[in-house]
């Protein structure tokens, strides 16, 4: 039992020692920032139109009026850009079982996807995933924290060239 622990510790130390030391702050500031690739620039521009999050009531997956408004604005921008794909991540607060929260997170993500597809975004441009309670934005254990964690988050993904359709 001790030999594997020693081997792991040795590998960890060797890797830590092999890393180059961090640059002093003056040298870091002197280096120009790397230029972003054209697709990354387009992705960043599209992210300006992405709602950071939409929020849900406790134990609910129906869209609130504020969420519908944010999704409508988002839809209007995304419909004009067929090269953009959207990933919606459903999240929950810490209450409930892991299985229940994963299912609730999926229902929340599906509600946002359904809104976008009902308004005309192709379903294959929108993917959903649930992380349940695993990615809280507020680690607190009160209603204020839980309200921040009951959300959908949106990510813009540029369509890979391999997904282009041929006639």
C-alpha atoms as a PDB file:
ATOM      1  CA  UNK A   1       0.000   0.000   0.000  1.00  0.00           C
ATOM      2  CA  UNK A   2       2.858   2.433   0.742  1.00  0.00           C
ATOM      3  CA  UNK A   3       4.732   1.814  -2.508  1.00  0.00           C
ATOM      4  CA  UNK A   4       1.967   3.177  -4.775  1.00  0.00           C
ATOM      5  CA  UNK A   5       1.592   6.207  -2.484  1.00  0.00           C
ATOM      6  CA  UNK A   6       5.312   6.907  -2.653  1.00  0.00           C
ATOM      7  CA  UNK A   7       5.316   6.457  -6.424  1.00  0.00           C
ATOM      8  CA  UNK A   8       2.426   8.892  -6.848  1.00  0.00           C
ATOM      9  CA  UNK A   9       4.081  11.415  -4.545  1.00  0.00           C
ATOM     10  CA  UNK A  10       7.354  11.096  -6.468  1.00  0.00           C
ATOM     11  CA  UNK A  11       5.597  11.667  -9.805  1.00  0.00           C
ATOM     12  CA  UNK A  12       3.753  14.663  -8.407  1.00  0.00           C
ATOM     13  CA  UNK A  13       6.941  16.243  -7.059  1.00  0.00           C
ATOM     14  CA  UNK A  14       8.868  15.568 -10.271  1.00  0.00           C
ATOM     15  CA  UNK A  15       6.139  17.211 -12.325  1.00  0.00           C
ATOM     16  CA  UNK A  16       5.933  20.220  -9.996  1.00  0.00           C
ATOM     17  CA  UNK A  17       9.689  20.717 -10.103  1.00  0.00           C
ATOM     18  CA  UNK A  18       9.784  20.398 -13.898  1.00  0.00           C
ATOM     19  CA  UNK A  19       7.497  23.408 -14.416  1.00  0.00           C
ATOM     20  CA  UNK A  20       9.267  26.630 -15.368  1.00  0.00           C
ATOM     21  CA  UNK A  21       9.019  29.407 -12.780  1.00  0.00           C
ATOM     22  CA  UNK A  22       6.320  32.016 -13.434  1.00  0.00           C
ATOM     23  CA  UNK A  23       7.427  35.170 -15.217  1.00  0.00           C
ATOM     24  CA  UNK A  24       7.831  38.329 -13.151  1.00  0.00           C
ATOM     25  CA  UNK A  25       4.862  40.719 -13.568  1.00  0.00           C
ATOM     26  CA  UNK A  26       6.928  43.299 -15.506  1.00  0.00           C
ATOM     27  CA  UNK A  27       7.841  40.722 -18.169  1.00  0.00           C
ATOM     28  CA  UNK A  28       4.259  39.497 -18.406  1.00  0.00           C
ATOM     29  CA  UNK A  29       2.989  43.006 -19.093  1.00  0.00           C
ATOM     30  CA  UNK A  30       5.594  43.572 -21.806  1.00  0.00           C
ATOM     31  CA  UNK A  31       4.371  40.612 -23.898  1.00  0.00           C
ATOM     32  CA  UNK A  32       1.582  41.412 -26.378  1.00  0.00           C
ATOM     33  CA  UNK A  33      -1.603  39.419 -26.048  1.00  0.00           C
ATOM     34  CA  UNK A  34      -1.913  36.665 -28.665  1.00  0.00           C
ATOM     35  CA  UNK A  35      -4.253  37.527 -31.510  1.00  0.00           C
ATOM     36  CA  UNK A  36      -7.561  35.685 -31.389  1.00  0.00           C
ATOM     37  CA  UNK A  37      -8.485  33.411 -34.274  1.00  0.00           C
ATOM     38  CA  UNK A  38     -11.282  34.715 -36.544  1.00  0.00           C
ATOM     39  CA  UNK A  39     -13.741  32.102 -35.268  1.00  0.00           C
ATOM     40  CA  UNK A  40     -12.915  33.032 -31.680  1.00  0.00           C
ATOM     41  CA  UNK A  41     -13.546  36.707 -32.450  1.00  0.00           C
ATOM     42  CA  UNK A  42     -16.928  35.798 -33.941  1.00  0.00           C
ATOM     43  CA  UNK A  43     -17.750  33.624 -30.926  1.00  0.00           C
ATOM     44  CA  UNK A  44     -16.864  36.432 -28.513  1.00  0.00           C
ATOM     45  CA  UNK A  45     -19.007  38.881 -30.473  1.00  0.00           C
ATOM     46  CA  UNK A  46     -21.921  36.446 -30.352  1.00  0.00           C
ATOM     47  CA  UNK A  47     -21.486  36.010 -26.608  1.00  0.00           C
ATOM     48  CA  UNK A  48     -22.364  39.674 -26.151  1.00  0.00           C
ATOM     49  CA  UNK A  49     -25.928  38.682 -27.024  1.00  0.00           C
ATOM     50  CA  UNK A  50     -26.101  35.642 -24.775  1.00  0.00           C
ATOM     51  CA  UNK A  51     -28.052  35.955 -21.555  1.00  0.00           C
ATOM     52  CA  UNK A  52     -25.624  35.009 -18.795  1.00  0.00           C
ATOM     53  CA  UNK A  53     -28.326  32.996 -17.083  1.00  0.00           C
ATOM     54  CA  UNK A  54     -32.055  32.703 -16.751  1.00  0.00           C
ATOM     55  CA  UNK A  55     -33.538  31.792 -13.398  1.00  0.00           C
ATOM     56  CA  UNK A  56     -36.273  29.491 -12.144  1.00  0.00           C
ATOM     57  CA  UNK A  57     -38.528  29.252  -9.112  1.00  0.00           C
ATOM     58  CA  UNK A  58     -37.979  26.489  -6.574  1.00  0.00           C
ATOM     59  CA  UNK A  59     -38.803  23.038  -7.941  1.00  0.00           C
ATOM     60  CA  UNK A  60     -40.015  24.522 -11.256  1.00  0.00           C
ATOM     61  CA  UNK A  61     -38.897  24.351 -14.872  1.00  0.00           C
ATOM     62  CA  UNK A  62     -41.388  26.785 -16.425  1.00  0.00           C
ATOM     63  CA  UNK A  63     -39.949  29.984 -17.912  1.00  0.00           C
ATOM     64  CA  UNK A  64     -40.632  33.164 -15.973  1.00  0.00           C
ATOM     65  CA  UNK A  65     -41.498  36.386 -17.883  1.00  0.00           C
ATOM     66  CA  UNK A  66     -37.958  37.768 -17.440  1.00  0.00           C
ATOM     67  CA  UNK A  67     -36.503  34.561 -18.859  1.00  0.00           C
ATOM     68  CA  UNK A  68     -38.839  34.719 -21.871  1.00  0.00           C
ATOM     69  CA  UNK A  69     -37.786  38.295 -22.542  1.00  0.00           C
ATOM     70  CA  UNK A  70     -34.082  37.410 -22.376  1.00  0.00           C
ATOM     71  CA  UNK A  71     -34.619  34.385 -24.626  1.00  0.00           C
ATOM     72  CA  UNK A  72     -36.561  36.466 -27.165  1.00  0.00           C
ATOM     73  CA  UNK A  73     -33.697  38.947 -27.466  1.00  0.00           C
ATOM     74  CA  UNK A  74     -31.233  36.081 -27.715  1.00  0.00           C
ATOM     75  CA  UNK A  75     -33.360  34.346 -30.366  1.00  0.00           C
ATOM     76  CA  UNK A  76     -33.458  37.471 -32.527  1.00  0.00           C
ATOM     77  CA  UNK A  77     -29.644  37.596 -32.583  1.00  0.00           C
ATOM     78  CA  UNK A  78     -28.993  33.865 -33.028  1.00  0.00           C
ATOM     79  CA  UNK A  79     -31.517  33.316 -35.834  1.00  0.00           C
ATOM     80  CA  UNK A  80     -29.425  35.590 -38.053  1.00  0.00           C
ATOM     81  CA  UNK A  81     -26.263  33.542 -37.454  1.00  0.00           C
ATOM     82  CA  UNK A  82     -26.625  29.949 -38.728  1.00  0.00           C
ATOM     83  CA  UNK A  83     -22.958  29.304 -37.875  1.00  0.00           C
ATOM     84  CA  UNK A  84     -23.776  29.562 -34.170  1.00  0.00           C
ATOM     85  CA  UNK A  85     -24.837  26.644 -32.033  1.00  0.00           C
ATOM     86  CA  UNK A  86     -26.119  26.996 -28.493  1.00  0.00           C
ATOM     87  CA  UNK A  87     -25.403  24.802 -25.476  1.00  0.00           C
ATOM     88  CA  UNK A  88     -27.841  25.181 -22.580  1.00  0.00           C
ATOM     89  CA  UNK A  89     -26.787  23.910 -19.158  1.00  0.00           C
ATOM     90  CA  UNK A  90     -29.516  23.280 -16.579  1.00  0.00           C
ATOM     91  CA  UNK A  91     -28.609  23.833 -12.923  1.00  0.00           C
ATOM     92  CA  UNK A  92     -30.333  23.357  -9.575  1.00  0.00           C
ATOM     93  CA  UNK A  93     -29.820  24.349  -5.979  1.00  0.00           C
ATOM     94  CA  UNK A  94     -28.532  21.830  -3.447  1.00  0.00           C
ATOM     95  CA  UNK A  95     -31.915  20.679  -2.200  1.00  0.00           C
ATOM     96  CA  UNK A  96     -33.233  17.362  -3.503  1.00  0.00           C
ATOM     97  CA  UNK A  97     -31.503  14.135  -4.433  1.00  0.00           C
ATOM     98  CA  UNK A  98     -28.793  13.977  -7.068  1.00  0.00           C
ATOM     99  CA  UNK A  99     -31.101  12.056  -9.423  1.00  0.00           C
ATOM    100  CA  UNK A 100     -33.983  14.482  -8.918  1.00  0.00           C
ATOM    101  CA  UNK A 101     -31.768  17.527  -9.483  1.00  0.00           C
ATOM    102  CA  UNK A 102     -30.267  16.059 -12.666  1.00  0.00           C
ATOM    103  CA  UNK A 103     -33.777  15.465 -14.025  1.00  0.00           C
ATOM    104  CA  UNK A 104     -34.940  18.955 -12.972  1.00  0.00           C
ATOM    105  CA  UNK A 105     -31.855  20.555 -14.556  1.00  0.00           C
ATOM    106  CA  UNK A 106     -32.621  18.700 -17.780  1.00  0.00           C
ATOM    107  CA  UNK A 107     -36.245  19.910 -17.744  1.00  0.00           C
ATOM    108  CA  UNK A 108     -35.024  23.483 -17.237  1.00  0.00           C
ATOM    109  CA  UNK A 109     -32.578  23.263 -20.143  1.00  0.00           C
ATOM    110  CA  UNK A 110     -35.276  21.627 -22.289  1.00  0.00           C
ATOM    111  CA  UNK A 111     -37.689  24.484 -21.513  1.00  0.00           C
ATOM    112  CA  UNK A 112     -35.222  27.056 -22.868  1.00  0.00           C
ATOM    113  CA  UNK A 113     -34.461  24.876 -25.900  1.00  0.00           C
ATOM    114  CA  UNK A 114     -38.183  24.445 -26.589  1.00  0.00           C
ATOM    115  CA  UNK A 115     -38.641  28.228 -26.486  1.00  0.00           C
ATOM    116  CA  UNK A 116     -35.863  28.746 -29.033  1.00  0.00           C
ATOM    117  CA  UNK A 117     -36.972  25.928 -31.339  1.00  0.00           C
ATOM    118  CA  UNK A 118     -40.652  26.953 -31.132  1.00  0.00           C
ATOM    119  CA  UNK A 119     -39.580  30.379 -32.374  1.00  0.00           C
ATOM    120  CA  UNK A 120     -37.614  28.991 -35.316  1.00  0.00           C
ATOM    121  CA  UNK A 121     -34.086  27.945 -34.279  1.00  0.00           C
ATOM    122  CA  UNK A 122     -33.306  24.506 -35.733  1.00  0.00           C
ATOM    123  CA  UNK A 123     -33.257  21.876 -32.996  1.00  0.00           C
ATOM    124  CA  UNK A 124     -29.890  20.539 -34.177  1.00  0.00           C
ATOM    125  CA  UNK A 125     -28.351  23.934 -33.337  1.00  0.00           C
ATOM    126  CA  UNK A 126     -29.303  23.670 -29.659  1.00  0.00           C
ATOM    127  CA  UNK A 127     -27.941  21.083 -27.239  1.00  0.00           C
ATOM    128  CA  UNK A 128     -28.830  20.638 -23.591  1.00  0.00           C
ATOM    129  CA  UNK A 129     -27.094  19.164 -20.587  1.00  0.00           C
ATOM    130  CA  UNK A 130     -27.948  18.987 -16.913  1.00  0.00           C
ATOM    131  CA  UNK A 131     -25.360  19.303 -14.178  1.00  0.00           C
ATOM    132  CA  UNK A 132     -27.921  19.215 -11.382  1.00  0.00           C
ATOM    133  CA  UNK A 133     -26.470  20.796  -8.258  1.00  0.00           C
ATOM    134  CA  UNK A 134     -22.814  20.223  -9.196  1.00  0.00           C
ATOM    135  CA  UNK A 135     -21.930  23.777 -10.351  1.00  0.00           C
ATOM    136  CA  UNK A 136     -23.335  26.295  -7.881  1.00  0.00           C
ATOM    137  CA  UNK A 137     -22.480  29.950  -8.482  1.00  0.00           C
ATOM    138  CA  UNK A 138     -23.139  30.695  -4.820  1.00  0.00           C
ATOM    139  CA  UNK A 139     -21.985  28.112  -2.261  1.00  0.00           C
ATOM    140  CA  UNK A 140     -24.292  29.486   0.454  1.00  0.00           C
ATOM    141  CA  UNK A 141     -27.048  27.495   2.132  1.00  0.00           C
ATOM    142  CA  UNK A 142     -29.880  30.009   2.171  1.00  0.00           C
ATOM    143  CA  UNK A 143     -32.638  31.199  -0.168  1.00  0.00           C
ATOM    144  CA  UNK A 144     -30.475  33.956  -1.632  1.00  0.00           C
ATOM    145  CA  UNK A 145     -27.818  31.432  -2.706  1.00  0.00           C
ATOM    146  CA  UNK A 146     -30.339  28.848  -3.872  1.00  0.00           C
ATOM    147  CA  UNK A 147     -32.118  31.418  -6.074  1.00  0.00           C
ATOM    148  CA  UNK A 148     -28.826  32.131  -7.889  1.00  0.00           C
ATOM    149  CA  UNK A 149     -28.195  28.418  -8.430  1.00  0.00           C
ATOM    150  CA  UNK A 150     -31.603  27.624  -9.976  1.00  0.00           C
ATOM    151  CA  UNK A 151     -30.654  28.622 -13.510  1.00  0.00           C
ATOM    152  CA  UNK A 152     -29.900  27.804 -17.132  1.00  0.00           C
ATOM    153  CA  UNK A 153     -26.561  28.978 -18.495  1.00  0.00           C
ATOM    154  CA  UNK A 154     -25.917  29.552 -22.194  1.00  0.00           C
ATOM    155  CA  UNK A 155     -22.799  28.977 -24.245  1.00  0.00           C
ATOM    156  CA  UNK A 156     -22.283  29.842 -27.901  1.00  0.00           C
ATOM    157  CA  UNK A 157     -20.428  27.234 -29.905  1.00  0.00           C
ATOM    158  CA  UNK A 158     -19.219  27.918 -33.437  1.00  0.00           C
ATOM    159  CA  UNK A 159     -20.349  25.235 -35.864  1.00  0.00           C
ATOM    160  CA  UNK A 160     -17.377  23.102 -36.879  1.00  0.00           C
ATOM    161  CA  UNK A 161     -16.595  23.048 -40.605  1.00  0.00           C
ATOM    162  CA  UNK A 162     -17.341  19.332 -40.608  1.00  0.00           C
ATOM    163  CA  UNK A 163     -20.981  20.032 -39.770  1.00  0.00           C
ATOM    164  CA  UNK A 164     -21.649  22.014 -42.935  1.00  0.00           C
ATOM    165  CA  UNK A 165     -24.428  20.421 -44.929  1.00  0.00           C
ATOM    166  CA  UNK A 166     -24.136  19.561 -48.558  1.00  0.00           C
ATOM    167  CA  UNK A 167     -27.135  19.910 -50.905  1.00  0.00           C
END
